[in-house]
Protein backbone atom coordinates (compact mmCIF):
# COMPACT_ATOMS: atom_id res chain seq x y z
CA MET A 1 -38.74 38.11 58.51
CA GLY A 2 -36.89 35.08 57.18
CA ARG A 3 -40.03 34.02 55.37
CA ASP A 4 -39.80 37.54 53.29
CA GLU A 5 -36.29 37.11 52.77
CA GLY A 6 -36.89 33.47 51.42
CA VAL A 7 -39.71 34.53 49.07
CA ASN A 8 -37.41 37.33 48.04
CA LEU A 9 -34.53 35.05 47.45
CA GLU A 10 -37.02 32.83 45.75
CA PHE A 11 -38.42 35.42 43.47
CA VAL A 12 -34.76 36.29 42.92
CA GLY A 13 -33.58 32.85 41.74
CA LYS A 14 -36.47 32.58 39.30
CA PHE A 15 -35.95 36.13 38.02
CA ILE A 16 -31.93 35.51 37.12
CA GLY A 17 -33.13 32.01 35.74
CA TRP A 18 -35.73 33.97 33.31
CA LEU A 19 -33.23 36.39 32.25
CA LEU A 20 -30.21 33.78 31.62
CA TYR A 21 -32.96 31.86 29.44
CA THR A 22 -33.78 34.79 27.48
CA ILE A 23 -30.09 35.63 26.91
CA TRP A 24 -29.62 32.30 25.53
CA LEU A 25 -32.36 32.25 23.69
CA GLY A 26 -30.93 35.91 22.18
CA PHE A 27 -27.99 34.11 21.61
CA TYR A 28 -29.78 30.82 19.79
CA ASN A 29 -31.74 32.94 17.59
CA THR A 30 -29.19 34.68 16.57
CA PHE A 31 -25.81 33.18 15.97
CA VAL A 32 -26.74 29.26 15.60
CA PRO A 33 -27.84 28.62 11.99
CA TYR A 34 -30.87 27.18 11.40
CA SER A 35 -29.20 24.47 9.15
CA TRP A 36 -28.22 23.26 12.31
CA LYS A 37 -31.69 23.13 14.09
CA THR A 38 -33.69 20.12 14.81
CA LYS A 39 -37.08 20.61 12.88
CA LYS A 40 -40.78 18.87 12.42
CA ARG A 41 -42.72 17.97 9.05
CA LEU A 42 -45.62 20.05 8.28
CA THR A 43 -46.14 17.58 5.44
CA SER A 44 -50.41 17.00 5.22
CA LYS A 45 -50.65 19.12 7.96
CA LYS A 46 -54.09 21.15 8.51
CA VAL A 47 -53.64 24.81 8.84
CA LEU A 48 -55.76 27.94 9.94
CA ILE A 49 -54.73 31.31 9.14
CA THR A 50 -57.21 34.34 10.15
CA GLY A 51 -56.09 37.41 7.67
CA GLY A 52 -54.64 34.97 5.44
CA ALA A 53 -55.33 36.96 2.41
CA SER A 54 -53.18 39.49 2.51
CA GLY A 55 -49.58 40.47 4.25
CA ILE A 56 -47.83 38.21 6.46
CA GLY A 57 -51.06 35.58 6.10
CA ALA A 58 -50.83 35.22 2.72
CA ALA A 59 -46.91 34.68 2.29
CA CYS A 60 -47.20 32.53 5.30
CA ALA A 61 -50.05 30.63 3.55
CA LYS A 62 -48.04 30.30 0.35
CA LEU A 63 -44.85 29.15 2.22
CA LEU A 64 -46.79 26.20 4.20
CA VAL A 65 -48.19 25.07 1.13
CA GLU A 66 -44.99 24.75 -0.61
CA GLU A 67 -44.25 22.63 2.85
CA GLY A 68 -47.18 20.20 1.99
CA CYS A 69 -49.66 21.52 4.17
CA GLN A 70 -53.61 22.17 3.53
CA VAL A 71 -54.42 25.72 4.15
CA ALA A 72 -57.87 27.54 5.39
CA ILE A 73 -57.59 31.08 5.31
CA TRP A 74 -60.37 32.90 7.08
CA ASP A 75 -60.52 36.82 6.11
CA ILE A 76 -62.82 39.59 5.44
CA HIS A 77 -62.14 41.06 2.32
CA GLU A 78 -63.74 38.74 -0.40
CA GLU A 79 -61.71 40.03 -3.62
CA ASN A 80 -58.40 39.24 -1.44
CA LEU A 81 -59.46 35.68 -0.28
CA ALA A 82 -60.48 35.27 -4.07
CA ASN A 83 -57.29 36.09 -5.52
CA ILE A 84 -55.42 33.78 -2.93
CA HIS A 85 -57.48 30.99 -3.42
CA ARG A 86 -56.79 31.18 -7.19
CA GLU A 87 -53.55 31.37 -6.40
CA LEU A 88 -52.98 28.53 -4.03
CA GLU A 89 -55.33 26.10 -6.01
CA LYS A 90 -52.98 26.04 -8.51
CA THR A 91 -50.64 23.49 -6.12
CA GLY A 92 -52.84 20.99 -6.38
CA TYR A 93 -53.11 21.13 -2.36
CA THR A 94 -56.22 21.74 -0.39
CA ILE A 95 -57.09 25.26 0.09
CA TYR A 96 -60.25 26.35 2.03
CA THR A 97 -61.30 29.93 2.17
CA GLN A 98 -64.15 31.16 3.82
CA LYS A 99 -65.03 35.21 4.68
CA VAL A 100 -65.06 35.57 8.25
CA ASP A 101 -65.61 38.61 10.66
CA LEU A 102 -63.60 38.12 13.83
CA SER A 103 -65.30 40.83 15.58
CA ASN A 104 -68.70 39.14 15.44
CA GLU A 105 -68.32 36.14 17.92
CA SER A 106 -71.04 33.91 16.68
CA GLU A 107 -70.23 34.16 13.30
CA ILE A 108 -66.49 32.81 14.47
CA LEU A 109 -68.58 30.05 16.11
CA LYS A 110 -70.16 29.00 12.97
CA ALA A 111 -67.05 29.36 10.87
CA CYS A 112 -65.98 26.79 13.49
CA ASP A 113 -68.28 24.57 12.81
CA ASP A 114 -68.19 24.95 8.92
CA LEU A 115 -64.36 24.47 9.43
CA LYS A 116 -64.73 21.06 10.97
CA GLU A 117 -67.16 19.50 8.89
CA ARG A 118 -65.76 20.51 5.33
CA PHE A 119 -61.91 20.76 5.95
CA GLY A 120 -61.13 18.82 9.63
CA ASP A 121 -59.12 19.00 12.71
CA VAL A 122 -57.11 21.75 12.56
CA ASP A 123 -53.38 20.83 13.45
CA ILE A 124 -52.06 24.34 13.52
CA LEU A 125 -53.68 27.61 14.19
CA PHE A 126 -52.69 30.70 13.09
CA ASN A 127 -54.20 33.74 14.94
CA ASN A 128 -52.91 36.21 12.83
CA ALA A 129 -55.65 38.69 11.67
CA GLY A 130 -55.20 42.15 13.32
CA LEU A 131 -56.03 46.10 12.68
CA GLY A 132 -54.56 48.98 14.15
CA ASN A 133 -55.79 52.86 14.91
CA ALA A 134 -53.66 55.49 14.29
CA SER A 135 -55.75 58.70 15.69
CA SER A 136 -55.09 59.77 18.82
CA PHE A 137 -56.27 57.59 22.24
CA LEU A 138 -58.45 60.58 23.20
CA GLN A 139 -60.10 61.26 20.23
CA SER A 140 -60.96 57.79 19.63
CA ASN A 141 -64.22 56.24 20.31
CA THR A 142 -65.14 53.25 22.35
CA GLU A 143 -67.08 51.77 19.57
CA THR A 144 -63.70 51.63 17.24
CA MET A 145 -61.71 50.40 20.26
CA LYS A 146 -63.97 47.64 20.82
CA TYR A 147 -63.50 46.56 17.45
CA ILE A 148 -60.13 46.72 17.32
CA PHE A 149 -59.65 44.70 20.29
CA ASP A 150 -62.71 41.87 19.30
CA VAL A 151 -60.35 41.28 16.15
CA ASN A 152 -56.87 41.36 18.07
CA ILE A 153 -57.23 39.96 20.84
CA PHE A 154 -60.92 38.01 21.81
CA ALA A 155 -61.19 36.67 18.17
CA HIS A 156 -57.92 34.56 19.16
CA MET A 157 -59.66 33.39 22.51
CA HIS A 158 -62.60 32.63 20.99
CA ILE A 159 -61.12 30.42 18.25
CA VAL A 160 -58.81 28.59 20.66
CA ARG A 161 -61.52 27.69 22.64
CA GLN A 162 -63.39 26.11 19.57
CA LEU A 163 -60.03 24.32 18.12
CA LEU A 164 -57.71 23.46 21.39
CA PRO A 165 -60.02 20.53 22.90
CA ARG A 166 -59.57 18.72 19.94
CA MET A 167 -55.71 19.24 19.84
CA ILE A 168 -55.82 17.72 23.39
CA GLU A 169 -57.53 14.79 22.66
CA LYS A 170 -55.14 14.07 19.43
CA GLY A 171 -52.48 15.01 21.76
CA GLU A 172 -50.63 17.37 19.47
CA GLY A 173 -51.31 20.86 17.90
CA HIS A 174 -49.36 24.26 17.68
CA ILE A 175 -51.04 27.40 18.30
CA VAL A 176 -49.08 30.63 16.73
CA ALA A 177 -50.55 34.04 17.18
CA THR A 178 -49.26 37.73 15.61
CA SER A 179 -48.22 40.21 18.63
CA SER A 180 -46.15 42.70 17.52
CA PHE A 181 -43.41 44.73 18.39
CA GLY A 182 -45.88 46.84 19.61
CA GLY A 183 -46.52 44.33 22.59
CA ILE A 184 -42.78 44.37 23.51
CA CYS A 185 -41.96 48.43 23.29
CA ALA A 186 -45.71 50.56 23.58
CA LEU A 187 -46.64 52.42 21.11
CA GLY A 188 -47.26 56.02 21.60
CA GLU A 189 -49.01 55.88 17.72
CA PHE A 190 -51.28 53.03 18.24
CA VAL A 191 -52.46 53.10 22.01
CA ASP A 192 -55.32 50.61 21.40
CA TYR A 193 -52.82 48.62 18.98
CA SER A 194 -50.11 48.37 20.82
CA THR A 195 -52.55 47.42 24.11
CA THR A 196 -54.09 44.38 22.38
CA LYS A 197 -50.78 43.16 21.61
CA PHE A 198 -49.46 43.25 25.03
CA ALA A 199 -52.44 41.33 25.70
CA VAL A 200 -52.08 38.55 22.30
CA ARG A 201 -48.39 38.05 24.58
CA GLY A 202 -50.04 38.15 27.54
CA PHE A 203 -52.70 35.13 26.45
CA MET A 204 -50.17 33.01 25.03
CA GLU A 205 -48.00 32.45 27.77
CA ALA A 206 -50.62 32.35 30.22
CA LEU A 207 -52.56 29.51 28.45
CA ASN A 208 -49.42 27.91 27.87
CA ASN A 209 -48.92 27.84 31.76
CA GLN A 210 -52.27 26.85 32.50
CA LEU A 211 -51.95 23.55 29.95
CA GLU A 212 -48.45 22.81 31.82
CA LEU A 213 -50.25 22.75 35.27
CA GLN A 214 -53.01 20.74 34.20
CA GLY A 215 -50.19 18.18 32.71
CA VAL A 216 -51.83 19.38 28.92
CA SER A 217 -48.95 17.70 26.68
CA GLY A 218 -48.34 18.30 23.12
CA ILE A 219 -49.54 21.64 22.51
CA GLU A 220 -46.77 24.23 21.10
CA PHE A 221 -47.48 27.99 21.34
CA THR A 222 -45.52 30.14 19.35
CA THR A 223 -46.00 33.77 19.36
CA VAL A 224 -44.80 36.02 16.86
CA PHE A 225 -43.55 39.75 17.28
CA PRO A 226 -42.91 41.24 14.03
CA GLY A 227 -41.01 44.95 13.57
CA TYR A 228 -42.16 47.21 10.63
CA VAL A 229 -43.94 45.34 7.81
CA ARG A 230 -45.09 46.28 5.09
CA THR A 231 -48.54 45.28 5.01
CA PRO A 232 -52.06 47.36 4.80
CA ILE A 233 -51.67 48.06 8.83
CA TRP A 234 -47.76 49.40 7.49
CA LYS A 235 -49.85 52.06 5.52
CA GLU A 236 -51.88 53.70 8.38
CA PHE A 237 -48.83 53.74 10.36
CA ASN A 238 -45.45 55.93 9.60
CA PRO A 239 -43.24 56.27 12.45
CA GLY A 240 -41.05 58.96 10.76
CA LYS A 241 -37.54 58.04 12.45
CA GLN A 242 -37.14 54.45 12.34
CA TYR A 243 -34.51 52.44 14.99
CA ILE A 244 -35.06 49.29 13.12
CA PRO A 245 -35.41 48.20 9.16
CA VAL A 246 -39.02 47.91 7.35
CA ILE A 247 -39.10 44.31 6.15
CA ASP A 248 -41.65 42.75 3.32
CA ALA A 249 -44.08 40.30 4.56
CA ASP A 250 -42.29 37.70 2.67
CA GLU A 251 -39.23 37.71 4.53
CA MET A 252 -41.24 37.83 7.45
CA ALA A 253 -43.40 34.69 6.69
CA GLU A 254 -39.76 33.10 6.08
CA GLU A 255 -38.56 33.43 9.73
CA ILE A 256 -42.52 32.15 11.11
CA VAL A 257 -42.69 29.16 9.27
CA ARG A 258 -39.09 28.23 10.20
CA GLY A 259 -40.33 29.10 13.89
CA ILE A 260 -43.38 26.79 13.24
CA LYS A 261 -40.81 24.07 12.43
CA LEU A 262 -38.79 24.36 15.16
CA ASN A 263 -41.38 24.89 18.02
CA GLN A 264 -40.07 28.00 18.77
CA LYS A 265 -41.88 30.18 21.80
CA GLU A 266 -41.40 33.21 20.39
CA VAL A 267 -40.45 34.70 16.64
CA ILE A 268 -38.66 38.02 17.03
CA TYR A 269 -37.68 39.45 13.79
CA PRO A 270 -35.94 41.60 13.36
CA LYS A 271 -33.35 39.59 15.44
CA ARG A 272 -31.99 42.78 16.89
CA LEU A 273 -35.43 43.00 18.65
CA THR A 274 -34.81 39.98 21.11
CA TRP A 275 -32.50 42.02 22.74
CA ILE A 276 -34.92 45.21 23.08
CA MET A 277 -37.22 42.76 25.03
CA ILE A 278 -33.79 41.68 26.70
CA ALA A 279 -33.38 45.35 27.88
CA LYS A 280 -37.13 45.76 28.80
CA ALA A 281 -36.96 43.30 30.97
């Protein structure tokens, strides 16, 4: 009996601590001015962005180049890749683009080998690529669901497994991943998409915890939770009545780059979503 009470008290203590931290995080992100916060320099950092030829990925690529980063972009759309390459190479910084099918593990492994040889060690990995399916779950098929899971979560894991060891060797690195508002509140319109975004959230948190348990330091983790953003996925998803505003990819990208510079564990935007996360807890 005493043992059970001890376990319960320990659980309650941890829960209260987590809740207080989450409330503090919401206050910090919402009310503390960005100019007051300590920021890391991104100059000369090598960044890989998946799904970086359009939407949030492309907007982040432009901002990171302005910060002095060398940027590599993977995407499946060749025309978009060519367009972003032409736009960014005018800056004079190193730009590396490659067509990669993120649903294909062997293609990912080959792309990682090519990247190491032609671009070098990645300092910041941004697993951003994602897609959704707006059809009814009961009408969806296994092939489509598998494709969405391959791109939205398994690709994250394959890439991290290839690039993380070198980050650990160097004693520094940063892994960023795009989850979603749908990784906080399950979206009935996007069952498979929302499921993968919860998985992204869990993967990032679990891997961070595992590295800490193993005594690995110097690796930062940032999980991004965008609300409704005008991107190719947004065109497929019309939620009707909206409780949070729709924002542009450029606005979302500014928050992400700020979060990277601040080593934030989570980038939640619009900021009111932070309070939804607290309420969900």
